[in-house]
Amino acid sequence: LLVLGVFMLTNLVNFLIIAGDHCVHTGASLAGEFRA
């Protein structure tokens, strides 16, 4: 269960870093990228 939780949390962190960089440079919405 710990491994399962760490997998999902780090997957989210990875997304936030990569998508955050994309949104800053393109003006896209982070919430929109999250949903899409």
Full PDB file with SEQRES, HELIX, SHEET, SSBOND, CRYST1, ORIGX, SCALE, CONECT and MASTER records, all heavy atoms in Angstrom:
SEQRES   1 A   36  LEU LEU VAL LEU GLY VAL PHE MET LEU THR ASN LEU VAL          
SEQRES   2 A   36  ASN PHE LEU ILE ILE ALA GLY ASP HIS CYS VAL HIS THR          
SEQRES   3 A   36  GLY ALA SER LEU ALA GLY GLU PHE ARG ALA                      
HELIX    1 AA1 LEU A    2  THR A   26  1                                  25    
HELIX    2 AA2 LEU A   30  ARG A   35  1                                   6    
CRYST1    1.000    1.000    1.000  90.00  90.00  90.00 P 1           1          
ORIGX1      1.000000  0.000000  0.000000        0.00000                         
ORIGX2      0.000000  1.000000  0.000000        0.00000                         
ORIGX3      0.000000  0.000000  1.000000        0.00000                         
SCALE1      1.000000  0.000000  0.000000        0.00000                         
SCALE2      0.000000  1.000000  0.000000        0.00000                         
SCALE3      0.000000  0.000000  1.000000        0.00000                         
ATOM      1  N   LEU A   1       0.830  -1.208   0.000  1.00  0.00           N  
ATOM      2  CA  LEU A   1       0.000   0.000   0.000  1.00  0.00           C  
ATOM      3  C   LEU A   1       0.860   1.252   0.000  1.00  0.00           C  
ATOM      4  O   LEU A   1       0.521   2.255  -0.648  1.00  0.00           O  
ATOM      5  CB  LEU A   1      -0.934   0.001   1.209  1.00  0.00           C  
ATOM      6  CG  LEU A   1      -2.070  -1.025   1.184  1.00  0.00           C  
ATOM      7  CD1 LEU A   1      -2.862  -0.958   2.490  1.00  0.00           C  
ATOM      8  CD2 LEU A   1      -2.975  -0.770  -0.015  1.00  0.00           C  
ATOM      9  N   LEU A   2       1.972   1.208   0.728  1.00  0.00           N  
ATOM     10  CA  LEU A   2       2.895   2.338   0.738  1.00  0.00           C  
ATOM     11  C   LEU A   2       3.466   2.567  -0.661  1.00  0.00           C  
ATOM     12  O   LEU A   2       3.535   3.705  -1.132  1.00  0.00           O  
ATOM     13  CB  LEU A   2       4.020   2.073   1.739  1.00  0.00           C  
ATOM     14  CG  LEU A   2       5.154   3.121   1.783  1.00  0.00           C  
ATOM     15  CD1 LEU A   2       4.604   4.491   2.190  1.00  0.00           C  
ATOM     16  CD2 LEU A   2       6.260   2.669   2.736  1.00  0.00           C  
ATOM     17  N   VAL A   3       3.861   1.498  -1.323  1.00  0.00           N  
ATOM     18  CA  VAL A   3       4.409   1.604  -2.679  1.00  0.00           C  
ATOM     19  C   VAL A   3       3.354   2.173  -3.628  1.00  0.00           C  
ATOM     20  O   VAL A   3       3.649   3.034  -4.468  1.00  0.00           O  
ATOM     21  CB  VAL A   3       4.897   0.231  -3.177  1.00  0.00           C  
ATOM     22  CG1 VAL A   3       5.337   0.309  -4.642  1.00  0.00           C  
ATOM     23  CG2 VAL A   3       6.039  -0.272  -2.305  1.00  0.00           C  
ATOM     24  N   LEU A   4       2.118   1.698  -3.488  1.00  0.00           N  
ATOM     25  CA  LEU A   4       1.018   2.197  -4.316  1.00  0.00           C  
ATOM     26  C   LEU A   4       0.845   3.703  -4.137  1.00  0.00           C  
ATOM     27  O   LEU A   4       0.719   4.454  -5.115  1.00  0.00           O  
ATOM     28  CB  LEU A   4      -0.270   1.461  -3.952  1.00  0.00           C  
ATOM     29  CG  LEU A   4      -1.540   1.839  -4.730  1.00  0.00           C  
ATOM     30  CD1 LEU A   4      -1.416   1.425  -6.184  1.00  0.00           C  
ATOM     31  CD2 LEU A   4      -2.760   1.168  -4.099  1.00  0.00           C  
ATOM     32  N   GLY A   5       0.839   4.170  -2.874  1.00  0.00           N  
ATOM     33  CA  GLY A   5       0.674   5.591  -2.610  1.00  0.00           C  
ATOM     34  C   GLY A   5       1.825   6.418  -3.136  1.00  0.00           C  
ATOM     35  O   GLY A   5       1.618   7.506  -3.706  1.00  0.00           O  
ATOM     36  N   VAL A   6       3.054   5.924  -2.951  1.00  0.00           N  
ATOM     37  CA  VAL A   6       4.238   6.641  -3.441  1.00  0.00           C  
ATOM     38  C   VAL A   6       4.222   6.734  -4.964  1.00  0.00           C  
ATOM     39  O   VAL A   6       4.574   7.765  -5.545  1.00  0.00           O  
ATOM     40  CB  VAL A   6       5.518   5.946  -2.940  1.00  0.00           C  
ATOM     41  CG1 VAL A   6       6.741   6.461  -3.681  1.00  0.00           C  
ATOM     42  CG2 VAL A   6       5.688   6.167  -1.442  1.00  0.00           C  
ATOM     43  N   PHE A   7       3.792   5.664  -5.625  1.00  0.00           N  
ATOM     44  CA  PHE A   7       3.711   5.672  -7.090  1.00  0.00           C  
ATOM     45  C   PHE A   7       2.796   6.797  -7.562  1.00  0.00           C  
ATOM     46  O   PHE A   7       3.158   7.591  -8.439  1.00  0.00           O  
ATOM     47  CB  PHE A   7       3.182   4.324  -7.575  1.00  0.00           C  
ATOM     48  CG  PHE A   7       3.199   4.150  -9.076  1.00  0.00           C  
ATOM     49  CD1 PHE A   7       4.137   3.340  -9.683  1.00  0.00           C  
ATOM     50  CD2 PHE A   7       2.277   4.799  -9.889  1.00  0.00           C  
ATOM     51  CE1 PHE A   7       4.165   3.174 -11.065  1.00  0.00           C  
ATOM     52  CE2 PHE A   7       2.288   4.653 -11.266  1.00  0.00           C  
ATOM     53  CZ  PHE A   7       3.231   3.832 -11.848  1.00  0.00           C  
ATOM     54  N   MET A   8       1.599   6.867  -6.978  1.00  0.00           N  
ATOM     55  CA  MET A   8       0.632   7.863  -7.442  1.00  0.00           C  
ATOM     56  C   MET A   8       1.082   9.279  -7.091  1.00  0.00           C  
ATOM     57  O   MET A   8       0.927  10.207  -7.897  1.00  0.00           O  
ATOM     58  CB  MET A   8      -0.743   7.579  -6.832  1.00  0.00           C  
ATOM     59  CG  MET A   8      -1.341   6.231  -7.252  1.00  0.00           C  
ATOM     60  SD  MET A   8      -1.409   5.983  -9.057  1.00  0.00           S  
ATOM     61  CE  MET A   8      -2.515   7.308  -9.548  1.00  0.00           C  
ATOM     62  N   LEU A   9       1.666   9.467  -5.902  1.00  0.00           N  
ATOM     63  CA  LEU A   9       2.106  10.802  -5.494  1.00  0.00           C  
ATOM     64  C   LEU A   9       3.251  11.294  -6.375  1.00  0.00           C  
ATOM     65  O   LEU A   9       3.232  12.436  -6.859  1.00  0.00           O  
ATOM     66  CB  LEU A   9       2.544  10.782  -4.031  1.00  0.00           C  
ATOM     67  CG  LEU A   9       3.138  12.098  -3.510  1.00  0.00           C  
ATOM     68  CD1 LEU A   9       2.105  13.216  -3.572  1.00  0.00           C  
ATOM     69  CD2 LEU A   9       3.668  11.932  -2.079  1.00  0.00           C  
ATOM     70  N   THR A  10       4.254  10.469  -6.584  1.00  0.00           N  
ATOM     71  CA  THR A  10       5.399  10.898  -7.392  1.00  0.00           C  
ATOM     72  C   THR A  10       5.005  11.081  -8.857  1.00  0.00           C  
ATOM     73  O   THR A  10       5.579  11.931  -9.553  1.00  0.00           O  
ATOM     74  CB  THR A  10       6.554   9.893  -7.274  1.00  0.00           C  
ATOM     75  OG1 THR A  10       6.085   8.568  -7.593  1.00  0.00           O  
ATOM     76  CG2 THR A  10       7.132   9.894  -5.865  1.00  0.00           C  
ATOM     77  N   ASN A  11       4.036  10.302  -9.307  1.00  0.00           N  
ATOM     78  CA  ASN A  11       3.535  10.493 -10.670  1.00  0.00           C  
ATOM     79  C   ASN A  11       2.915  11.885 -10.808  1.00  0.00           C  
ATOM     80  O   ASN A  11       3.116  12.584 -11.812  1.00  0.00           O  
ATOM     81  CB  ASN A  11       2.498   9.411 -10.982  1.00  0.00           C  
ATOM     82  CG  ASN A  11       2.170   9.338 -12.460  1.00  0.00           C  
ATOM     83  OD1 ASN A  11       2.971   9.704 -13.304  1.00  0.00           O  
ATOM     84  ND2 ASN A  11       0.986   8.868 -12.783  1.00  0.00           N  
ATOM     85  N   LEU A  12       2.176  12.302  -9.775  1.00  0.00           N  
ATOM     86  CA  LEU A  12       1.578  13.638  -9.780  1.00  0.00           C  
ATOM     87  C   LEU A  12       2.653  14.723  -9.735  1.00  0.00           C  
ATOM     88  O   LEU A  12       2.573  15.732 -10.444  1.00  0.00           O  
ATOM     89  CB  LEU A  12       0.623  13.777  -8.588  1.00  0.00           C  
ATOM     90  CG  LEU A  12      -0.014  15.158  -8.396  1.00  0.00           C  
ATOM     91  CD1 LEU A  12      -0.863  15.532  -9.611  1.00  0.00           C  
ATOM     92  CD2 LEU A  12      -0.854  15.182  -7.117  1.00  0.00           C  
ATOM     93  N   VAL A  13       3.664  14.530  -8.888  1.00  0.00           N  
ATOM     94  CA  VAL A  13       4.745  15.515  -8.787  1.00  0.00           C  
ATOM     95  C   VAL A  13       5.474  15.652 -10.127  1.00  0.00           C  
ATOM     96  O   VAL A  13       5.773  16.764 -10.587  1.00  0.00           O  
ATOM     97  CB  VAL A  13       5.730  15.121  -7.671  1.00  0.00           C  
ATOM     98  CG1 VAL A  13       6.964  16.025  -7.699  1.00  0.00           C  
ATOM     99  CG2 VAL A  13       5.046  15.192  -6.305  1.00  0.00           C  
ATOM    100  N   ASN A  14       5.738  14.528 -10.754  1.00  0.00           N  
ATOM    101  CA  ASN A  14       6.394  14.552 -12.063  1.00  0.00           C  
ATOM    102  C   ASN A  14       5.555  15.347 -13.061  1.00  0.00           C  
ATOM    103  O   ASN A  14       6.065  16.195 -13.816  1.00  0.00           O  
ATOM    104  CB  ASN A  14       6.587  13.120 -12.556  1.00  0.00           C  
ATOM    105  CG  ASN A  14       7.223  13.067 -13.932  1.00  0.00           C  
ATOM    106  OD1 ASN A  14       8.128  13.823 -14.258  1.00  0.00           O  
ATOM    107  ND2 ASN A  14       6.720  12.156 -14.767  1.00  0.00           N  
ATOM    108  N   PHE A  15       4.240  15.092 -13.069  1.00  0.00           N  
ATOM    109  CA  PHE A  15       3.352  15.832 -13.976  1.00  0.00           C  
ATOM    110  C   PHE A  15       3.398  17.329 -13.690  1.00  0.00           C  
ATOM    111  O   PHE A  15       3.470  18.148 -14.614  1.00  0.00           O  
ATOM    112  CB  PHE A  15       1.922  15.307 -13.844  1.00  0.00           C  
ATOM    113  CG  PHE A  15       0.906  16.193 -14.510  1.00  0.00           C  
ATOM    114  CD1 PHE A  15       0.701  16.132 -15.881  1.00  0.00           C  
ATOM    115  CD2 PHE A  15       0.181  17.128 -13.770  1.00  0.00           C  
ATOM    116  CE1 PHE A  15      -0.214  16.969 -16.504  1.00  0.00           C  
ATOM    117  CE2 PHE A  15      -0.747  17.954 -14.384  1.00  0.00           C  
ATOM    118  CZ  PHE A  15      -0.936  17.883 -15.762  1.00  0.00           C  
ATOM    119  N   LEU A  16       3.334  17.700 -12.415  1.00  0.00           N  
ATOM    120  CA  LEU A  16       3.289  19.119 -12.056  1.00  0.00           C  
ATOM    121  C   LEU A  16       4.558  19.851 -12.497  1.00  0.00           C  
ATOM    122  O   LEU A  16       4.492  20.999 -12.945  1.00  0.00           O  
ATOM    123  CB  LEU A  16       3.077  19.271 -10.551  1.00  0.00           C  
ATOM    124  CG  LEU A  16       1.695  18.846 -10.032  1.00  0.00           C  
ATOM    125  CD1 LEU A  16       1.653  18.937  -8.514  1.00  0.00           C  
ATOM    126  CD2 LEU A  16       0.593  19.694 -10.656  1.00  0.00           C  
ATOM    127  N   ILE A  17       5.697  19.193 -12.396  1.00  0.00           N  
ATOM    128  CA  ILE A  17       6.946  19.850 -12.801  1.00  0.00           C  
ATOM    129  C   ILE A  17       6.985  20.029 -14.316  1.00  0.00           C  
ATOM    130  O   ILE A  17       7.252  21.120 -14.833  1.00  0.00           O  
ATOM    131  CB  ILE A  17       8.164  19.041 -12.325  1.00  0.00           C  
ATOM    132  CG1 ILE A  17       8.226  19.022 -10.791  1.00  0.00           C  
ATOM    133  CG2 ILE A  17       9.455  19.617 -12.903  1.00  0.00           C  
ATOM    134  CD1 ILE A  17       9.317  18.135 -10.233  1.00  0.00           C  
ATOM    135  N   ILE A  18       6.713  18.939 -15.050  1.00  0.00           N  
ATOM    136  CA  ILE A  18       6.779  18.999 -16.511  1.00  0.00           C  
ATOM    137  C   ILE A  18       5.691  19.912 -17.068  1.00  0.00           C  
ATOM    138  O   ILE A  18       5.948  20.787 -17.910  1.00  0.00           O  
ATOM    139  CB  ILE A  18       6.640  17.586 -17.115  1.00  0.00           C  
ATOM    140  CG1 ILE A  18       7.765  16.665 -16.596  1.00  0.00           C  
ATOM    141  CG2 ILE A  18       6.659  17.658 -18.632  1.00  0.00           C  
ATOM    142  CD1 ILE A  18       9.146  17.076 -16.999  1.00  0.00           C  
ATOM    143  N   ALA A  19       4.441  19.720 -16.593  1.00  0.00           N  
ATOM    144  CA  ALA A  19       3.331  20.531 -17.101  1.00  0.00           C  
ATOM    145  C   ALA A  19       3.458  21.983 -16.659  1.00  0.00           C  
ATOM    146  O   ALA A  19       3.089  22.903 -17.401  1.00  0.00           O  
ATOM    147  CB  ALA A  19       1.997  19.955 -16.636  1.00  0.00           C  
ATOM    148  N   GLY A  20       3.973  22.200 -15.439  1.00  0.00           N  
ATOM    149  CA  GLY A  20       4.154  23.568 -14.966  1.00  0.00           C  
ATOM    150  C   GLY A  20       5.107  24.341 -15.856  1.00  0.00           C  
ATOM    151  O   GLY A  20       4.848  25.506 -16.201  1.00  0.00           O  
ATOM    152  N   ASP A  21       6.213  23.700 -16.244  1.00  0.00           N  
ATOM    153  CA  ASP A  21       7.156  24.347 -17.158  1.00  0.00           C  
ATOM    154  C   ASP A  21       6.477  24.669 -18.489  1.00  0.00           C  
ATOM    155  O   ASP A  21       6.632  25.770 -19.037  1.00  0.00           O  
ATOM    156  CB  ASP A  21       8.350  23.426 -17.382  1.00  0.00           C  
ATOM    157  CG  ASP A  21       9.326  23.984 -18.397  1.00  0.00           C  
ATOM    158  OD1 ASP A  21      10.206  24.771 -17.995  1.00  0.00           O  
ATOM    159  OD2 ASP A  21       9.209  23.629 -19.589  1.00  0.00           O  
ATOM    160  N   HIS A  22       5.699  23.717 -18.992  1.00  0.00           N  
ATOM    161  CA  HIS A  22       5.001  23.927 -20.262  1.00  0.00           C  
ATOM    162  C   HIS A  22       4.022  25.097 -20.163  1.00  0.00           C  
ATOM    163  O   HIS A  22       3.940  25.937 -21.072  1.00  0.00           O  
ATOM    164  CB  HIS A  22       4.254  22.648 -20.646  1.00  0.00           C  
ATOM    165  CG  HIS A  22       3.350  22.801 -21.823  1.00  0.00           C  
ATOM    166  ND1 HIS A  22       3.815  22.890 -23.124  1.00  0.00           N  
ATOM    167  CD2 HIS A  22       1.986  22.883 -21.902  1.00  0.00           C  
ATOM    168  CE1 HIS A  22       2.793  23.027 -23.943  1.00  0.00           C  
ATOM    169  NE2 HIS A  22       1.676  23.020 -23.228  1.00  0.00           N  
ATOM    170  N   CYS A  23       3.293  25.157 -19.074  1.00  0.00           N  
ATOM    171  CA  CYS A  23       2.289  26.215 -18.916  1.00  0.00           C  
ATOM    172  C   CYS A  23       2.922  27.589 -18.789  1.00  0.00           C  
ATOM    173  O   CYS A  23       2.408  28.574 -19.334  1.00  0.00           O  
ATOM    174  CB  CYS A  23       1.406  25.922 -17.698  1.00  0.00           C  
ATOM    175  SG  CYS A  23       0.321  24.494 -17.910  1.00  0.00           S  
ATOM    176  N   VAL A  24       4.033  27.675 -18.091  1.00  0.00           N  
ATOM    177  CA  VAL A  24       4.711  28.963 -17.932  1.00  0.00           C  
ATOM    178  C   VAL A  24       5.174  29.495 -19.285  1.00  0.00           C  
ATOM    179  O   VAL A  24       5.052  30.681 -19.585  1.00  0.00           O  
ATOM    180  CB  VAL A  24       5.902  28.834 -16.957  1.00  0.00           C  
ATOM    181  CG1 VAL A  24       6.796  30.069 -17.042  1.00  0.00           C  
ATOM    182  CG2 VAL A  24       5.399  28.644 -15.543  1.00  0.00           C  
ATOM    183  N   HIS A  25       5.683  28.599 -20.127  1.00  0.00           N  
ATOM    184  CA  HIS A  25       6.250  29.045 -21.401  1.00  0.00           C  
ATOM    185  C   HIS A  25       5.216  29.195 -22.501  1.00  0.00           C  
ATOM    186  O   HIS A  25       5.479  29.864 -23.510  1.00  0.00           O  
ATOM    187  CB  HIS A  25       7.345  28.078 -21.855  1.00  0.00           C  
ATOM    188  CG  HIS A  25       8.583  28.156 -21.025  1.00  0.00           C  
ATOM    189  ND1 HIS A  25       8.798  27.345 -19.940  1.00  0.00           N  
ATOM    190  CD2 HIS A  25       9.666  28.974 -21.101  1.00  0.00           C  
ATOM    191  CE1 HIS A  25       9.967  27.641 -19.392  1.00  0.00           C  
ATOM    192  NE2 HIS A  25      10.507  28.634 -20.077  1.00  0.00           N  
ATOM    193  N   THR A  26       4.044  28.590 -22.362  1.00  0.00           N  
ATOM    194  CA  THR A  26       3.021  28.678 -23.414  1.00  0.00           C  
ATOM    195  C   THR A  26       1.795  29.472 -22.989  1.00  0.00           C  
ATOM    196  O   THR A  26       0.963  29.813 -23.830  1.00  0.00           O  
ATOM    197  CB  THR A  26       2.559  27.271 -23.843  1.00  0.00           C  
ATOM    198  OG1 THR A  26       1.916  26.615 -22.742  1.00  0.00           O  
ATOM    199  CG2 THR A  26       3.738  26.444 -24.326  1.00  0.00           C  
ATOM    200  N   GLY A  27       1.646  29.731 -21.691  1.00  0.00           N  
ATOM    201  CA  GLY A  27       0.468  30.432 -21.210  1.00  0.00           C  
ATOM    202  C   GLY A  27      -0.738  29.543 -21.014  1.00  0.00           C  
ATOM    203  O   GLY A  27      -1.836  30.028 -20.727  1.00  0.00           O  
ATOM    204  N   ALA A  28      -0.557  28.211 -21.168  1.00  0.00           N  
ATOM    205  CA  ALA A  28      -1.669  27.285 -20.974  1.00  0.00           C  
ATOM    206  C   ALA A  28      -2.047  27.206 -19.501  1.00  0.00           C  
ATOM    207  O   ALA A  28      -1.266  27.570 -18.613  1.00  0.00           O  
ATOM    208  CB  ALA A  28      -1.291  25.899 -21.491  1.00  0.00           C  
ATOM    209  N   SER A  29      -3.257  26.731 -19.240  1.00  0.00           N  
ATOM    210  CA  SER A  29      -3.745  26.599 -17.871  1.00  0.00           C  
ATOM    211  C   SER A  29      -3.311  25.259 -17.283  1.00  0.00           C  
ATOM    212  O   SER A  29      -3.512  24.208 -17.897  1.00  0.00           O  
ATOM    213  CB  SER A  29      -5.276  26.690 -17.859  1.00  0.00           C  
ATOM    214  OG  SER A  29      -5.809  26.199 -16.652  1.00  0.00           O  
ATOM    215  N   LEU A  30      -2.720  25.302 -16.078  1.00  0.00           N  
ATOM    216  CA  LEU A  30      -2.296  24.057 -15.438  1.00  0.00           C  
ATOM    217  C   LEU A  30      -3.506  23.183 -15.119  1.00  0.00           C  
ATOM    218  O   LEU A  30      -3.459  21.957 -15.274  1.00  0.00           O  
ATOM    219  CB  LEU A  30      -1.511  24.367 -14.156  1.00  0.00           C  
ATOM    220  CG  LEU A  30      -0.924  23.142 -13.424  1.00  0.00           C  
ATOM    221  CD1 LEU A  30       0.030  22.376 -14.326  1.00  0.00           C  
ATOM    222  CD2 LEU A  30      -0.208  23.590 -12.145  1.00  0.00           C  
ATOM    223  N   ALA A  31      -4.594  23.811 -14.697  1.00  0.00           N  
ATOM    224  CA  ALA A  31      -5.810  23.041 -14.417  1.00  0.00           C  
ATOM    225  C   ALA A  31      -6.333  22.387 -15.686  1.00  0.00           C  
ATOM    226  O   ALA A  31      -6.785  21.231 -15.677  1.00  0.00           O  
ATOM    227  CB  ALA A  31      -6.885  23.947 -13.811  1.00  0.00           C  
ATOM    228  N   GLY A  32      -6.266  23.123 -16.795  1.00  0.00           N  
ATOM    229  CA  GLY A  32      -6.707  22.555 -18.072  1.00  0.00           C  
ATOM    230  C   GLY A  32      -5.832  21.401 -18.504  1.00  0.00           C  
ATOM    231  O   GLY A  32      -6.322  20.383 -18.998  1.00  0.00           O  
ATOM    232  N   GLU A  33      -4.513  21.557 -18.325  1.00  0.00           N  
ATOM    233  CA  GLU A  33      -3.595  20.473 -18.668  1.00  0.00           C  
ATOM    234  C   GLU A  33      -3.842  19.254 -17.783  1.00  0.00           C  
ATOM    235  O   GLU A  33      -3.775  18.108 -18.248  1.00  0.00           O  
ATOM    236  CB  GLU A  33      -2.142  20.945 -18.492  1.00  0.00           C  
ATOM    237  CG  GLU A  33      -1.728  22.043 -19.444  1.00  0.00           C  
ATOM    238  CD  GLU A  33      -1.634  21.555 -20.871  1.00  0.00           C  
ATOM    239  OE1 GLU A  33      -0.777  20.713 -21.159  1.00  0.00           O  
ATOM    240  OE2 GLU A  33      -2.446  22.005 -21.703  1.00  0.00           O  
ATOM    241  N   PHE A  34      -4.157  19.497 -16.525  1.00  0.00           N  
ATOM    242  CA  PHE A  34      -4.432  18.393 -15.598  1.00  0.00           C  
ATOM    243  C   PHE A  34      -5.656  17.607 -16.066  1.00  0.00           C  
ATOM    244  O   PHE A  34      -5.646  16.374 -16.090  1.00  0.00           O  
ATOM    245  CB  PHE A  34      -4.663  18.958 -14.191  1.00  0.00           C  
ATOM    246  CG  PHE A  34      -4.938  17.905 -13.144  1.00  0.00           C  
ATOM    247  CD1 PHE A  34      -3.890  17.225 -12.540  1.00  0.00           C  
ATOM    248  CD2 PHE A  34      -6.238  17.606 -12.775  1.00  0.00           C  
ATOM    249  CE1 PHE A  34      -4.139  16.255 -11.576  1.00  0.00           C  
ATOM    250  CE2 PHE A  34      -6.501  16.648 -11.816  1.00  0.00           C  
ATOM    251  CZ  PHE A  34      -5.448  15.963 -11.216  1.00  0.00           C  
ATOM    252  N   ARG A  35      -6.716  18.333 -16.439  1.00  0.00           N  
ATOM    253  CA  ARG A  35      -7.937  17.656 -16.896  1.00  0.00           C  
ATOM    254  C   ARG A  35      -7.724  16.950 -18.228  1.00  0.00           C  
ATOM    255  O   ARG A  35      -8.261  15.862 -18.453  1.00  0.00           O  
ATOM    256  CB  ARG A  35      -9.078  18.666 -17.024  1.00  0.00           C  
ATOM    257  CG  ARG A  35      -9.618  19.185 -15.700  1.00  0.00           C  
ATOM    258  CD  ARG A  35     -10.903  19.976 -15.898  1.00  0.00           C  
ATOM    259  NE  ARG A  35     -10.700  21.147 -16.743  1.00  0.00           N  
ATOM    260  CZ  ARG A  35     -10.368  22.345 -16.288  1.00  0.00           C  
ATOM    261  NH1 ARG A  35     -10.198  22.530 -14.976  1.00  0.00           N  
ATOM    262  NH2 ARG A  35     -10.200  23.362 -17.108  1.00  0.00           N  
ATOM    263  N   ALA A  36      -6.952  17.560 -19.114  1.00  0.00           N  
ATOM    264  CA  ALA A  36      -6.794  17.013 -20.459  1.00  0.00           C  
ATOM    265  C   ALA A  36      -5.781  15.882 -20.528  1.00  0.00           C  
ATOM    266  O   ALA A  36      -5.927  14.966 -21.337  1.00  0.00           O  
ATOM    267  CB  ALA A  36      -6.389  18.123 -21.426  1.00  0.00           C  
TER     268      ALA A  36                                                      
MASTER        0    0    0    2    0    0    0    6  267    1    0    3          
END                                                                             
